[in-house]
N, C-alpha and C. Protein backbone atom coordinates (compact mmCIF):
# COMPACT_ATOMS: atom_id res chain seq x y z
N MET A 1 -150.96 24.28 64.39
CA MET A 1 -150.03 23.39 63.40
C MET A 1 -149.13 23.72 64.64
N GLN A 2 -148.44 22.39 64.56
CA GLN A 2 -147.26 22.67 66.09
C GLN A 2 -146.28 21.89 65.26
N SER A 3 -145.56 21.95 65.52
CA SER A 3 -143.60 21.83 65.25
C SER A 3 -142.52 21.63 66.34
N LYS A 4 -142.40 20.70 66.71
CA LYS A 4 -141.03 20.67 67.37
C LYS A 4 -140.09 20.02 67.37
N SER A 5 -139.47 20.63 67.24
CA SER A 5 -137.75 20.32 67.27
C SER A 5 -137.01 19.87 67.50
N LEU A 6 -136.53 17.85 67.08
CA LEU A 6 -135.36 17.47 68.38
C LEU A 6 -134.45 17.16 67.67
N SER A 7 -133.24 18.53 67.76
CA SER A 7 -132.37 18.49 67.18
C SER A 7 -132.33 18.70 65.73
N PRO A 8 -132.19 17.69 64.23
CA PRO A 8 -133.43 18.12 63.33
C PRO A 8 -134.26 16.80 63.17
N VAL A 9 -134.44 16.94 64.52
CA VAL A 9 -135.38 15.70 63.98
C VAL A 9 -136.99 16.53 64.45
N GLU A 10 -138.02 17.10 63.17
CA GLU A 10 -139.60 17.43 63.57
C GLU A 10 -140.47 17.11 63.49
N GLU A 11 -141.61 16.92 64.79
CA GLU A 11 -142.34 16.38 65.10
C GLU A 11 -143.67 18.01 64.48
N ILE A 12 -144.27 16.62 63.58
CA ILE A 12 -145.46 17.45 63.23
C ILE A 12 -146.86 16.80 63.29
N VAL A 13 -147.47 17.77 64.50
CA VAL A 13 -148.94 17.78 65.74
C VAL A 13 -150.27 18.61 64.60
N TRP A 14 -150.44 18.00 65.25
CA TRP A 14 -152.34 18.58 64.80
C TRP A 14 -153.55 18.26 65.64
N GLU A 15 -153.76 18.97 66.42
CA GLU A 15 -154.99 18.97 67.24
C GLU A 15 -154.92 18.21 68.42
N GLY A 16 -153.51 18.28 69.13
CA GLY A 16 -151.86 17.26 69.75
C GLY A 16 -152.07 15.76 69.83
N ARG A 17 -152.50 15.48 67.82
CA ARG A 17 -152.14 14.13 67.60
C ARG A 17 -150.65 14.27 66.65
N PRO A 18 -150.02 13.48 66.97
CA PRO A 18 -149.24 13.44 66.28
C PRO A 18 -149.63 12.73 64.51
N LEU A 19 -148.57 13.82 63.43
CA LEU A 19 -149.34 12.96 62.10
C LEU A 19 -147.26 12.09 61.50
N ALA A 20 -147.15 13.09 61.80
CA ALA A 20 -145.25 12.63 61.30
C ALA A 20 -144.32 13.17 62.03
N TYR A 21 -143.41 12.73 61.63
CA TYR A 21 -141.76 12.51 61.85
C TYR A 21 -140.57 12.63 61.17
N VAL A 22 -139.77 14.08 61.01
CA VAL A 22 -139.02 14.28 59.48
C VAL A 22 -137.84 13.54 60.42
N VAL A 23 -137.18 12.89 60.01
CA VAL A 23 -136.16 12.95 61.23
C VAL A 23 -135.19 13.19 59.36
N ARG A 24 -134.12 14.34 59.44
CA ARG A 24 -133.21 15.20 58.56
C ARG A 24 -131.75 14.09 58.03
N ALA A 25 -130.95 14.06 57.54
CA ALA A 25 -130.09 13.47 57.21
C ALA A 25 -128.88 13.44 57.64
N GLN A 26 -128.71 14.27 58.29
CA GLN A 26 -127.55 14.59 58.42
C GLN A 26 -127.90 14.10 60.27
N PHE A 27 -128.97 14.31 60.42
CA PHE A 27 -129.09 13.27 62.10
C PHE A 27 -128.32 12.20 62.22
N THR A 28 -126.80 12.18 62.83
CA THR A 28 -125.82 10.80 63.03
C THR A 28 -125.87 11.40 63.97
N PRO A 29 -127.25 10.66 65.86
CA PRO A 29 -126.87 10.38 66.79
C PRO A 29 -125.52 10.09 67.39
N SER A 30 -124.85 10.12 68.50
CA SER A 30 -123.53 9.54 69.34
C SER A 30 -124.07 8.77 70.00
N ALA A 31 -125.75 8.30 70.80
CA ALA A 31 -125.67 7.91 71.36
C ALA A 31 -127.12 6.63 70.92
N THR A 32 -127.80 5.62 71.67
CA THR A 32 -129.10 6.28 70.96
C THR A 32 -130.17 6.17 71.09
N THR A 33 -131.48 6.47 70.34
CA THR A 33 -131.63 7.47 70.35
C THR A 33 -133.28 6.91 69.75
N PHE A 34 -134.69 6.87 69.45
CA PHE A 34 -136.03 6.89 69.62
C PHE A 34 -136.30 8.17 69.16
N MET A 35 -137.10 8.78 68.08
CA MET A 35 -137.86 9.76 67.50
C MET A 35 -139.37 9.83 68.79
N THR A 36 -139.72 8.22 68.39
CA THR A 36 -140.87 7.71 68.51
C THR A 36 -141.61 7.58 70.10
N PRO A 37 -142.35 8.18 70.47
CA PRO A 37 -143.04 7.72 72.36
C PRO A 37 -142.81 5.63 71.68
N THR A 38 -142.69 5.44 72.79
CA THR A 38 -142.88 3.70 73.32
C THR A 38 -143.81 3.06 73.02
N GLU A 39 -145.40 4.66 72.67
CA GLU A 39 -147.18 3.89 72.69
C GLU A 39 -147.69 3.72 70.96
N LEU A 40 -146.52 4.58 70.55
CA LEU A 40 -146.82 4.60 69.13
C LEU A 40 -146.37 2.89 68.21
N GLU A 41 -147.28 2.66 67.24
CA GLU A 41 -147.18 1.14 66.37
C GLU A 41 -146.20 1.15 65.83
N GLN A 42 -145.82 1.95 65.56
CA GLN A 42 -144.36 2.31 64.41
C GLN A 42 -142.82 2.78 65.07
N GLN A 43 -142.91 1.60 65.67
CA GLN A 43 -141.46 2.77 65.90
C GLN A 43 -139.54 2.89 64.92
N VAL A 44 -139.28 4.44 65.39
CA VAL A 44 -138.48 4.35 64.32
C VAL A 44 -137.32 5.54 65.50
N GLY A 45 -135.42 4.59 65.00
CA GLY A 45 -134.73 5.57 66.35
C GLY A 45 -133.18 4.68 64.82
N PHE A 46 -132.06 5.14 65.98
CA PHE A 46 -131.31 4.54 65.13
C PHE A 46 -130.60 4.04 66.51
N VAL A 47 -130.27 3.41 66.29
CA VAL A 47 -128.83 2.42 67.59
C VAL A 47 -127.77 2.05 67.12
N VAL A 48 -127.50 2.46 68.22
CA VAL A 48 -125.63 2.89 67.86
C VAL A 48 -125.16 2.00 68.90
N TYR A 49 -123.93 1.61 67.90
CA TYR A 49 -123.27 0.43 68.50
C TYR A 49 -122.02 0.83 68.62
N PRO A 50 -120.31 0.67 69.75
CA PRO A 50 -119.15 1.07 69.36
C PRO A 50 -118.47 -0.37 68.04
N ARG A 51 -117.53 0.11 67.55
CA ARG A 51 -116.67 -1.07 67.09
C ARG A 51 -117.03 -2.68 68.50
N GLY A 52 -117.07 -3.56 67.08
CA GLY A 52 -116.88 -4.75 67.87
C GLY A 52 -118.13 -5.37 68.95
N ALA A 53 -118.66 -4.31 68.93
CA ALA A 53 -119.68 -4.44 70.03
C ALA A 53 -120.80 -5.66 68.89
N GLN A 54 -121.97 -6.57 69.20
CA GLN A 54 -121.89 -7.65 68.93
C GLN A 54 -123.87 -7.61 69.25
N ILE A 55 -124.80 -7.56 68.51
CA ILE A 55 -126.41 -8.54 68.95
C ILE A 55 -126.53 -9.94 68.86
N GLN A 56 -126.62 -10.46 70.12
CA GLN A 56 -127.29 -11.67 70.60
C GLN A 56 -128.41 -12.17 69.79
N ARG A 57 -127.33 -13.06 69.25
CA ARG A 57 -128.61 -13.98 68.11
C ARG A 57 -129.89 -14.07 68.43
N HIS A 58 -131.32 -14.29 68.29
CA HIS A 58 -131.82 -13.79 68.55
C HIS A 58 -133.22 -14.56 67.34
N ILE A 59 -134.76 -14.63 68.06
CA ILE A 59 -135.55 -15.42 67.62
C ILE A 59 -136.82 -13.49 67.82
N HIS A 60 -138.09 -12.85 67.17
CA HIS A 60 -139.08 -12.36 67.85
C HIS A 60 -139.99 -13.28 68.00
N ARG A 61 -140.91 -13.68 69.44
CA ARG A 61 -141.53 -14.13 70.09
C ARG A 61 -142.80 -13.90 68.81
N GLY A 62 -143.70 -15.07 68.60
CA GLY A 62 -145.25 -13.85 67.65
C GLY A 62 -145.21 -14.16 68.99
N LEU A 63 -146.10 -12.49 68.01
CA LEU A 63 -147.24 -11.26 69.68
C LEU A 63 -148.62 -10.95 68.71
N ASP A 64 -149.36 -11.35 69.39
CA ASP A 64 -151.11 -10.74 68.87
C ASP A 64 -150.61 -8.99 69.28
N ARG A 65 -150.64 -8.90 68.31
CA ARG A 65 -150.75 -6.94 68.07
C ARG A 65 -151.50 -6.45 67.32
N ARG A 66 -152.49 -5.36 67.80
CA ARG A 66 -154.17 -4.67 67.14
C ARG A 66 -153.18 -3.73 67.08
N THR A 67 -153.37 -3.56 65.74
CA THR A 67 -152.13 -2.41 65.24
C THR A 67 -154.46 -1.58 63.93
N THR A 68 -154.06 0.11 64.11
CA THR A 68 -155.60 0.71 63.49
C THR A 68 -154.63 2.31 62.21
N GLY A 69 -154.81 1.33 61.41
CA GLY A 69 -154.17 2.15 59.48
C GLY A 69 -153.41 1.48 59.64
N ALA A 70 -152.48 2.62 58.89
CA ALA A 70 -150.87 1.99 58.49
C ALA A 70 -150.20 3.38 58.93
N ALA A 71 -148.99 2.97 59.91
CA ALA A 71 -147.85 3.70 59.64
C ALA A 71 -147.15 3.80 58.83
N GLU A 72 -147.14 4.19 57.99
CA GLU A 72 -145.32 4.43 56.57
C GLU A 72 -144.50 5.37 56.84
N VAL A 73 -143.06 4.77 56.71
CA VAL A 73 -141.76 5.54 56.91
C VAL A 73 -141.18 5.57 54.81
N VAL A 74 -141.43 6.87 54.76
CA VAL A 74 -139.78 7.06 54.17
C VAL A 74 -138.61 7.13 53.39
N LEU A 75 -138.62 6.42 52.60
CA LEU A 75 -136.85 7.47 53.20
C LEU A 75 -136.32 8.04 51.74
N VAL A 76 -135.59 9.17 51.43
CA VAL A 76 -135.49 9.85 49.45
C VAL A 76 -134.24 9.16 49.61
N ARG A 77 -134.88 8.10 49.01
CA ARG A 77 -132.75 7.60 48.42
C ARG A 77 -131.74 8.23 48.02
N ARG A 78 -133.34 9.35 46.59
CA ARG A 78 -132.82 9.66 45.91
C ARG A 78 -133.36 10.68 45.39
N GLY A 79 -132.97 12.39 44.95
CA GLY A 79 -134.33 13.29 44.73
C GLY A 79 -134.01 14.29 45.16
N ALA A 80 -135.45 15.21 45.39
CA ALA A 80 -136.81 15.83 45.98
C ALA A 80 -138.24 16.07 45.90
N CYS A 81 -138.20 15.22 46.98
CA CYS A 81 -140.02 15.67 47.15
C CYS A 81 -140.18 16.98 48.18
N GLU A 82 -141.81 17.32 47.66
CA GLU A 82 -142.67 18.44 48.41
C GLU A 82 -143.65 16.96 49.30
N VAL A 83 -143.75 17.45 51.00
CA VAL A 83 -144.23 16.53 50.53
C VAL A 83 -145.87 17.64 51.53
N GLU A 84 -147.15 17.25 51.15
CA GLU A 84 -148.54 17.95 52.11
C GLU A 84 -148.38 17.34 53.60
N ILE A 85 -149.00 16.99 54.66
CA ILE A 85 -149.85 16.27 55.40
C ILE A 85 -150.78 17.07 56.36
N TYR A 86 -151.66 15.97 55.62
CA TYR A 86 -153.18 16.48 56.50
C TYR A 86 -153.84 16.07 57.48
N GLY A 87 -154.69 16.63 58.42
CA GLY A 87 -155.39 16.18 60.04
C GLY A 87 -155.92 14.83 59.33
N GLN A 88 -157.14 14.45 60.12
CA GLN A 88 -157.59 13.84 60.23
C GLN A 88 -159.04 14.69 59.47
N SER A 89 -159.59 14.95 59.31
CA SER A 89 -160.47 16.13 58.80
C SER A 89 -160.29 16.45 57.04
N ARG A 90 -159.24 15.87 56.95
CA ARG A 90 -158.28 16.61 55.55
C ARG A 90 -157.89 17.66 55.43
N GLU A 91 -157.73 18.17 56.18
CA GLU A 91 -157.27 19.67 55.86
C GLU A 91 -156.09 19.81 56.43
N LEU A 92 -155.08 20.37 54.80
CA LEU A 92 -153.90 20.51 54.94
C LEU A 92 -153.23 21.11 56.46
N VAL A 93 -152.64 20.35 56.34
CA VAL A 93 -151.70 20.56 58.11
C VAL A 93 -150.26 22.29 57.91
N THR A 94 -149.95 21.05 57.10
CA THR A 94 -147.93 21.77 56.52
C THR A 94 -147.52 21.26 55.38
N ARG A 95 -146.56 21.47 54.29
CA ARG A 95 -145.77 21.21 53.49
C ARG A 95 -144.65 21.48 53.86
N CYS A 96 -143.54 19.86 53.72
CA CYS A 96 -142.60 20.10 53.23
C CYS A 96 -141.20 19.48 52.63
N THR A 97 -140.16 20.12 52.80
CA THR A 97 -139.79 19.10 51.67
C THR A 97 -138.40 18.20 52.47
N LEU A 98 -138.20 17.04 51.74
CA LEU A 98 -137.98 16.03 51.97
C LEU A 98 -136.92 15.56 51.11
N ASN A 99 -135.09 15.79 51.21
CA ASN A 99 -134.47 15.64 50.63
C ASN A 99 -133.54 14.04 50.15
N ALA A 100 -131.97 13.94 49.58
CA ALA A 100 -131.97 12.27 49.46
C ALA A 100 -131.28 12.77 51.38
N GLY A 101 -131.68 11.23 51.65
CA GLY A 101 -131.19 10.76 52.92
C GLY A 101 -132.35 11.10 54.40
N ASP A 102 -132.98 12.13 54.03
CA ASP A 102 -134.16 12.43 55.10
C ASP A 102 -135.74 11.57 54.84
N LEU A 103 -135.95 11.66 56.43
CA LEU A 103 -136.96 10.10 56.20
C LEU A 103 -137.76 10.07 57.30
N MET A 104 -139.27 10.84 56.99
CA MET A 104 -140.71 10.94 57.18
C MET A 104 -141.00 9.78 57.91
N LEU A 105 -141.50 9.61 59.30
CA LEU A 105 -142.31 8.52 59.77
C LEU A 105 -143.89 9.01 59.76
N MET A 106 -145.12 8.61 58.90
CA MET A 106 -146.37 9.43 59.15
C MET A 106 -147.33 8.11 59.60
N VAL A 107 -147.08 8.54 61.00
CA VAL A 107 -147.94 7.29 61.46
C VAL A 107 -150.21 8.03 61.70
N SER A 108 -150.76 8.74 61.20
CA SER A 108 -152.02 8.90 61.44
C SER A 108 -152.38 10.41 60.05
N GLY A 109 -153.18 10.91 59.95
CA GLY A 109 -153.54 12.22 59.08
C GLY A 109 -153.28 11.57 57.86
N GLY A 110 -153.35 12.75 56.81
CA GLY A 110 -153.43 12.17 55.08
C GLY A 110 -151.62 12.76 54.76
N HIS A 111 -151.39 12.47 53.44
CA HIS A 111 -149.98 13.31 52.95
C HIS A 111 -150.44 12.51 51.66
N GLY A 112 -149.85 13.32 50.69
CA GLY A 112 -149.58 13.65 49.49
C GLY A 112 -148.32 14.10 49.03
N PHE A 113 -147.23 13.36 47.93
CA PHE A 113 -146.07 13.81 47.28
C PHE A 113 -145.79 14.26 46.30
N ARG A 114 -145.42 15.53 45.92
CA ARG A 114 -145.15 16.09 44.57
C ARG A 114 -143.48 15.88 44.65
N MET A 115 -142.68 14.91 43.51
CA MET A 115 -141.47 14.57 42.96
C MET A 115 -141.06 15.85 42.08
N THR A 116 -140.25 16.84 42.74
CA THR A 116 -139.31 18.37 42.45
C THR A 116 -137.99 18.01 41.88
N GLU A 117 -137.56 16.24 41.22
CA GLU A 117 -136.77 15.75 40.64
C GLU A 117 -136.80 14.16 40.59
N ASP A 118 -136.18 14.27 39.69
CA ASP A 118 -136.60 12.45 39.67
C ASP A 118 -135.74 11.71 40.86
N THR A 119 -136.63 10.87 41.23
CA THR A 119 -137.23 10.43 43.08
C THR A 119 -137.01 9.11 42.50
N VAL A 120 -136.37 8.52 43.51
CA VAL A 120 -136.29 7.56 44.10
C VAL A 120 -136.48 7.26 46.08
N LEU A 121 -137.59 6.36 46.59
CA LEU A 121 -138.67 6.96 47.86
C LEU A 121 -138.07 4.74 47.57
N LEU A 122 -138.05 5.21 49.19
CA LEU A 122 -137.85 3.36 49.64
C LEU A 122 -139.11 3.41 50.85
N GLU A 123 -140.26 2.51 51.01
CA GLU A 123 -141.17 3.30 51.87
C GLU A 123 -140.89 1.48 52.12
N ILE A 124 -141.63 2.19 54.05
CA ILE A 124 -141.41 0.29 54.64
C ILE A 124 -142.95 0.95 55.71
N LYS A 125 -144.05 -0.34 55.54
CA LYS A 125 -145.04 -0.47 56.50
C LYS A 125 -145.63 -1.53 56.64
N GLN A 126 -147.20 -1.76 57.43
CA GLN A 126 -147.22 -2.80 57.58
C GLN A 126 -147.76 -3.19 56.39
N GLY A 127 -148.15 -4.80 56.94
CA GLY A 127 -148.50 -5.58 55.98
C GLY A 127 -149.35 -6.44 56.59
N PRO A 128 -150.11 -7.13 55.49
CA PRO A 128 -150.21 -7.40 54.26
C PRO A 128 -150.85 -5.25 53.84
N TYR A 129 -150.29 -6.43 52.67
CA TYR A 129 -150.47 -5.21 52.05
C TYR A 129 -152.08 -5.29 51.46
N VAL A 130 -153.82 -5.32 50.80
CA VAL A 130 -154.64 -5.04 50.38
C VAL A 130 -155.21 -4.97 49.91
N GLY A 131 -154.41 -3.69 48.85
CA GLY A 131 -154.30 -3.50 47.51
C GLY A 131 -155.54 -1.84 47.79
N ARG A 132 -155.97 -1.10 46.39
CA ARG A 132 -156.35 0.20 46.76
C ARG A 132 -157.45 -0.03 47.89
N GLU A 133 -158.29 -0.42 47.86
CA GLU A 133 -158.78 -0.53 49.06
C GLU A 133 -158.81 0.25 50.21
N GLU A 134 -157.40 0.26 50.64
CA GLU A 134 -157.21 0.52 52.07
C GLU A 134 -157.14 1.95 52.06
N LYS A 135 -156.71 2.61 51.07
CA LYS A 135 -156.79 3.34 50.50
C LYS A 135 -158.20 4.30 50.78
N GLU A 136 -157.95 5.64 51.25
CA GLU A 136 -158.96 6.69 50.46
C GLU A 136 -158.97 8.20 50.34
N PHE A 137 -158.34 7.95 49.30
CA PHE A 137 -158.47 10.25 48.16
C PHE A 137 -158.95 10.14 47.92
N PHE A 138 -158.50 11.86 48.06
CA PHE A 138 -159.58 12.88 48.05
C PHE A 138 -159.17 13.76 47.89
């Protein structure tokens, strides 16, 4: 397992392929910072604005995009959990603990969670959700 530390941002890589990015709660950049490479199908970053700044009103044009798999973002709102990260061949790559305020973007491989406290997770993923048949349990 290779883990690259970008401040309190950890990139979990296995066999040259990114599996997940962990953003610790204490990471508060002073400038716009994206933790993900531009080629990933899901992007995660902080966009920083000074007081009084505005985002010009806009709509997003419909673009045809093709995605493979489903990236997931999990934000621990309350509590704590241990996450197991697996490679594409279902081999355990690493374990890490997520605490309140920590965020994880999972982009490939597999994962499993064990709650170590009463926990509330906010999950963000690509839809539409087609049910349990989109998952392969092991």
